[in-house]
Amino acid sequence: MKTLLTVGVLIFSLLFFAAPASACSAFPDGHIGIVVELDKASKSLTISDGETGNPVTFSVEDTVLSTLEWAVLSVAQTIFVRYRLEGDQLIATEIKRLN
């Protein structure tokens, strides 16, 4: 009985105290968030980061501009953005709508 109790407490503590991994942390070259600003003329978008809530602005790569995802993208959609860093600028290389 003591062994069962010990194992139960151990399992509970592992589940209770384990910090869940966030989606943004899981993808070092990606962000998940809600579109708060979309400027198709200047080829840029800003999301509210799902992990921090901070705004993150991306310039959009030309290959993304010709995709259906970009064509139907609108404010308030939840998206995943894969990007690369060029200097201090984030360049979106892939956009996926999540809702």
N, C-alpha and C. Protein backbone atom coordinates (compact mmCIF):
# COMPACT_ATOMS: atom_id res chain seq x y z
N MET A 1 0.82 -1.20 0.00
CA MET A 1 0.00 0.00 0.00
C MET A 1 0.87 1.27 0.00
N LYS A 2 1.96 1.23 0.79
CA LYS A 2 2.84 2.39 0.83
C LYS A 2 3.48 2.64 -0.55
N THR A 3 3.81 1.56 -1.24
CA THR A 3 4.42 1.70 -2.56
C THR A 3 3.44 2.34 -3.54
N LEU A 4 2.20 1.90 -3.49
CA LEU A 4 1.18 2.47 -4.37
C LEU A 4 0.97 3.95 -4.08
N LEU A 5 0.94 4.30 -2.80
CA LEU A 5 0.77 5.70 -2.42
C LEU A 5 1.96 6.54 -2.89
N THR A 6 3.16 6.01 -2.71
CA THR A 6 4.37 6.72 -3.13
C THR A 6 4.38 6.94 -4.64
N VAL A 7 4.04 5.90 -5.39
CA VAL A 7 3.99 6.02 -6.85
C VAL A 7 2.92 7.02 -7.26
N GLY A 8 1.77 6.98 -6.61
CA GLY A 8 0.69 7.93 -6.92
C GLY A 8 1.10 9.37 -6.68
N VAL A 9 1.76 9.61 -5.54
CA VAL A 9 2.22 10.97 -5.22
C VAL A 9 3.28 11.42 -6.23
N LEU A 10 4.17 10.51 -6.61
CA LEU A 10 5.20 10.85 -7.58
C LEU A 10 4.60 11.21 -8.94
N ILE A 11 3.66 10.43 -9.40
CA ILE A 11 3.00 10.71 -10.68
C ILE A 11 2.24 12.03 -10.62
N PHE A 12 1.51 12.25 -9.54
CA PHE A 12 0.77 13.50 -9.38
C PHE A 12 1.70 14.70 -9.40
N SER A 13 2.81 14.60 -8.67
CA SER A 13 3.72 15.75 -8.61
C SER A 13 4.38 16.01 -9.97
N LEU A 14 4.68 14.96 -10.72
CA LEU A 14 5.24 15.16 -12.05
C LEU A 14 4.25 15.84 -12.98
N LEU A 15 3.00 15.43 -12.92
CA LEU A 15 1.98 16.04 -13.77
C LEU A 15 1.65 17.46 -13.33
N PHE A 16 1.59 17.68 -12.03
CA PHE A 16 1.19 18.98 -11.50
C PHE A 16 2.27 20.04 -11.68
N PHE A 17 3.52 19.66 -11.45
CA PHE A 17 4.59 20.64 -11.46
C PHE A 17 5.31 20.77 -12.80
N ALA A 18 5.04 19.89 -13.72
CA ALA A 18 5.69 19.97 -15.03
C ALA A 18 5.13 21.17 -15.78
N ALA A 19 6.00 22.01 -16.28
CA ALA A 19 5.55 23.18 -17.04
C ALA A 19 5.24 22.76 -18.46
N PRO A 20 4.07 23.11 -18.96
CA PRO A 20 3.76 22.75 -20.34
C PRO A 20 4.63 23.52 -21.32
N ALA A 21 5.06 22.86 -22.37
CA ALA A 21 5.85 23.53 -23.41
C ALA A 21 4.91 24.34 -24.28
N SER A 22 5.29 25.56 -24.57
CA SER A 22 4.44 26.39 -25.42
C SER A 22 4.75 26.13 -26.89
N ALA A 23 3.82 26.48 -27.73
CA ALA A 23 4.00 26.27 -29.17
C ALA A 23 5.15 27.12 -29.71
N CYS A 24 5.27 28.33 -29.22
CA CYS A 24 6.33 29.21 -29.72
C CYS A 24 7.71 28.69 -29.30
N SER A 25 7.80 28.15 -28.09
CA SER A 25 9.07 27.59 -27.64
C SER A 25 9.42 26.33 -28.41
N ALA A 26 8.40 25.60 -28.83
CA ALA A 26 8.64 24.35 -29.55
C ALA A 26 9.18 24.59 -30.95
N PHE A 27 8.90 25.75 -31.52
CA PHE A 27 9.38 26.10 -32.86
C PHE A 27 10.24 27.35 -32.76
N PRO A 28 11.56 27.19 -32.67
CA PRO A 28 12.41 28.37 -32.51
C PRO A 28 12.36 29.33 -33.70
N ASP A 29 11.93 28.85 -34.86
CA ASP A 29 11.81 29.73 -36.03
C ASP A 29 10.36 29.94 -36.41
N GLY A 30 9.47 29.92 -35.42
CA GLY A 30 8.05 30.11 -35.69
C GLY A 30 7.33 30.78 -34.53
N HIS A 31 6.23 31.41 -34.84
CA HIS A 31 5.37 32.04 -33.83
C HIS A 31 3.93 31.66 -34.12
N ILE A 32 3.15 31.50 -33.06
CA ILE A 32 1.71 31.33 -33.17
C ILE A 32 1.08 32.54 -32.51
N GLY A 33 0.08 33.12 -33.17
CA GLY A 33 -0.58 34.27 -32.59
C GLY A 33 -1.79 34.69 -33.40
N ILE A 34 -2.40 35.77 -32.96
CA ILE A 34 -3.60 36.31 -33.60
C ILE A 34 -3.20 37.53 -34.42
N VAL A 35 -3.65 37.57 -35.66
CA VAL A 35 -3.34 38.71 -36.54
C VAL A 35 -4.03 39.96 -35.98
N VAL A 36 -3.23 40.99 -35.70
CA VAL A 36 -3.79 42.25 -35.22
C VAL A 36 -3.69 43.36 -36.26
N GLU A 37 -2.77 43.20 -37.22
CA GLU A 37 -2.63 44.19 -38.29
C GLU A 37 -2.14 43.48 -39.54
N LEU A 38 -2.73 43.84 -40.65
CA LEU A 38 -2.39 43.22 -41.93
C LEU A 38 -2.31 44.32 -42.97
N ASP A 39 -1.14 44.50 -43.56
CA ASP A 39 -0.95 45.53 -44.58
C ASP A 39 -0.45 44.86 -45.85
N LYS A 40 -1.39 44.54 -46.73
CA LYS A 40 -1.03 43.83 -47.96
C LYS A 40 -0.27 44.73 -48.92
N ALA A 41 -0.44 46.03 -48.83
CA ALA A 41 0.29 46.95 -49.70
C ALA A 41 1.78 46.97 -49.36
N SER A 42 2.09 46.99 -48.06
CA SER A 42 3.51 47.00 -47.66
C SER A 42 4.05 45.60 -47.39
N LYS A 43 3.21 44.58 -47.64
CA LYS A 43 3.61 43.18 -47.48
C LYS A 43 4.09 42.88 -46.07
N SER A 44 3.28 43.26 -45.08
CA SER A 44 3.66 43.00 -43.69
C SER A 44 2.43 42.61 -42.87
N LEU A 45 2.70 41.95 -41.75
CA LEU A 45 1.63 41.61 -40.83
C LEU A 45 2.18 41.64 -39.42
N THR A 46 1.28 41.92 -38.47
CA THR A 46 1.63 41.93 -37.06
C THR A 46 0.70 40.99 -36.33
N ILE A 47 1.28 40.15 -35.47
CA ILE A 47 0.47 39.25 -34.65
C ILE A 47 0.67 39.59 -33.18
N SER A 48 -0.30 39.20 -32.38
CA SER A 48 -0.15 39.21 -30.93
C SER A 48 0.36 37.82 -30.58
N ASP A 49 1.61 37.74 -30.12
CA ASP A 49 2.25 36.45 -29.86
C ASP A 49 1.45 35.64 -28.83
N GLY A 50 1.21 34.38 -29.16
CA GLY A 50 0.42 33.51 -28.30
C GLY A 50 1.06 33.22 -26.97
N GLU A 51 2.36 33.31 -26.88
CA GLU A 51 3.07 33.00 -25.64
C GLU A 51 3.22 34.22 -24.75
N THR A 52 3.60 35.36 -25.33
CA THR A 52 3.89 36.55 -24.53
C THR A 52 2.82 37.62 -24.61
N GLY A 53 2.01 37.60 -25.68
CA GLY A 53 1.03 38.65 -25.90
C GLY A 53 1.62 39.89 -26.55
N ASN A 54 2.92 39.90 -26.76
CA ASN A 54 3.59 41.05 -27.37
C ASN A 54 3.35 41.07 -28.88
N PRO A 55 3.30 42.26 -29.48
CA PRO A 55 3.17 42.33 -30.93
C PRO A 55 4.47 41.91 -31.62
N VAL A 56 4.34 41.14 -32.69
CA VAL A 56 5.49 40.71 -33.49
C VAL A 56 5.16 41.03 -34.94
N THR A 57 6.01 41.82 -35.59
CA THR A 57 5.77 42.24 -36.97
C THR A 57 6.70 41.50 -37.92
N PHE A 58 6.12 41.04 -39.03
CA PHE A 58 6.85 40.30 -40.05
C PHE A 58 6.72 41.00 -41.39
N SER A 59 7.80 41.02 -42.16
CA SER A 59 7.70 41.30 -43.59
C SER A 59 7.40 39.96 -44.23
N VAL A 60 6.69 39.96 -45.34
CA VAL A 60 6.27 38.71 -45.96
C VAL A 60 7.08 38.44 -47.21
N GLU A 61 7.67 37.24 -47.27
CA GLU A 61 8.48 36.81 -48.41
C GLU A 61 7.60 36.72 -49.66
N ASP A 62 8.19 37.01 -50.82
CA ASP A 62 7.44 37.00 -52.08
C ASP A 62 6.77 35.66 -52.36
N THR A 63 7.40 34.55 -51.99
CA THR A 63 6.79 33.23 -52.25
C THR A 63 5.51 33.04 -51.44
N VAL A 64 5.39 33.71 -50.31
CA VAL A 64 4.18 33.62 -49.48
C VAL A 64 3.06 34.47 -50.07
N LEU A 65 3.43 35.56 -50.73
CA LEU A 65 2.43 36.48 -51.28
C LEU A 65 1.53 35.83 -52.32
N SER A 66 2.01 34.80 -52.97
CA SER A 66 1.22 34.14 -54.02
C SER A 66 0.41 32.95 -53.50
N THR A 67 0.40 32.72 -52.19
CA THR A 67 -0.33 31.58 -51.63
C THR A 67 -1.77 31.94 -51.29
N LEU A 68 -2.60 30.92 -51.22
CA LEU A 68 -4.00 31.10 -50.81
C LEU A 68 -4.07 31.59 -49.37
N GLU A 69 -3.16 31.10 -48.52
CA GLU A 69 -3.14 31.52 -47.11
C GLU A 69 -3.05 33.04 -47.00
N TRP A 70 -2.18 33.66 -47.80
CA TRP A 70 -2.02 35.12 -47.77
C TRP A 70 -3.25 35.81 -48.36
N ALA A 71 -3.80 35.24 -49.42
CA ALA A 71 -4.94 35.85 -50.11
C ALA A 71 -6.16 35.95 -49.21
N VAL A 72 -6.39 34.96 -48.36
CA VAL A 72 -7.59 34.94 -47.52
C VAL A 72 -7.32 35.35 -46.08
N LEU A 73 -6.10 35.74 -45.77
CA LEU A 73 -5.73 36.11 -44.41
C LEU A 73 -6.45 37.40 -44.00
N SER A 74 -6.91 37.43 -42.75
CA SER A 74 -7.57 38.63 -42.25
C SER A 74 -7.26 38.82 -40.77
N VAL A 75 -7.56 40.01 -40.28
CA VAL A 75 -7.36 40.34 -38.87
C VAL A 75 -8.22 39.42 -38.01
N ALA A 76 -7.72 39.07 -36.84
CA ALA A 76 -8.37 38.24 -35.82
C ALA A 76 -8.24 36.74 -36.08
N GLN A 77 -7.55 36.34 -37.14
CA GLN A 77 -7.32 34.91 -37.37
C GLN A 77 -6.10 34.46 -36.57
N THR A 78 -6.17 33.23 -36.07
CA THR A 78 -5.03 32.62 -35.40
C THR A 78 -4.17 31.94 -36.46
N ILE A 79 -2.88 32.25 -36.44
CA ILE A 79 -1.98 31.71 -37.47
C ILE A 79 -0.68 31.21 -36.86
N PHE A 80 -0.01 30.38 -37.63
CA PHE A 80 1.37 29.98 -37.35
C PHE A 80 2.23 30.63 -38.43
N VAL A 81 3.28 31.30 -38.02
CA VAL A 81 4.20 31.95 -38.96
C VAL A 81 5.59 31.35 -38.78
N ARG A 82 6.11 30.76 -39.84
CA ARG A 82 7.52 30.34 -39.85
C ARG A 82 8.29 31.49 -40.48
N TYR A 83 9.46 31.79 -39.93
CA TYR A 83 10.20 32.97 -40.40
C TYR A 83 11.70 32.71 -40.40
N ARG A 84 12.41 33.65 -41.03
CA ARG A 84 13.87 33.69 -40.93
C ARG A 84 14.24 35.12 -40.51
N LEU A 85 15.39 35.24 -39.92
CA LEU A 85 15.86 36.53 -39.44
C LEU A 85 16.88 37.09 -40.43
N GLU A 86 16.64 38.30 -40.91
CA GLU A 86 17.59 39.02 -41.77
C GLU A 86 17.93 40.32 -41.08
N GLY A 87 19.10 40.37 -40.48
CA GLY A 87 19.46 41.54 -39.68
C GLY A 87 18.55 41.59 -38.47
N ASP A 88 17.80 42.68 -38.35
CA ASP A 88 16.84 42.79 -37.25
C ASP A 88 15.39 42.64 -37.73
N GLN A 89 15.22 42.15 -38.94
CA GLN A 89 13.89 42.02 -39.53
C GLN A 89 13.47 40.56 -39.62
N LEU A 90 12.22 40.28 -39.23
CA LEU A 90 11.65 38.94 -39.34
C LEU A 90 10.95 38.82 -40.70
N ILE A 91 11.33 37.82 -41.48
CA ILE A 91 10.76 37.59 -42.81
C ILE A 91 9.91 36.33 -42.75
N ALA A 92 8.59 36.47 -42.95
CA ALA A 92 7.69 35.32 -42.94
C ALA A 92 7.93 34.47 -44.18
N THR A 93 8.24 33.19 -43.97
CA THR A 93 8.49 32.26 -45.08
C THR A 93 7.34 31.28 -45.26
N GLU A 94 6.45 31.20 -44.27
CA GLU A 94 5.28 30.31 -44.35
C GLU A 94 4.22 30.82 -43.38
N ILE A 95 2.98 30.79 -43.83
CA ILE A 95 1.85 31.18 -42.98
C ILE A 95 0.81 30.08 -43.06
N LYS A 96 0.32 29.65 -41.90
CA LYS A 96 -0.74 28.64 -41.84
C LYS A 96 -1.85 29.15 -40.93
N ARG A 97 -3.07 29.18 -41.43
CA ARG A 97 -4.21 29.54 -40.59
C ARG A 97 -4.54 28.37 -39.68
N LEU A 98 -4.85 28.65 -38.43
CA LEU A 98 -5.16 27.60 -37.46
C LEU A 98 -6.63 27.54 -37.09
N ASN A 99 -7.43 28.46 -37.61
CA ASN A 99 -8.87 28.40 -37.30
C ASN A 99 -9.69 28.50 -38.56
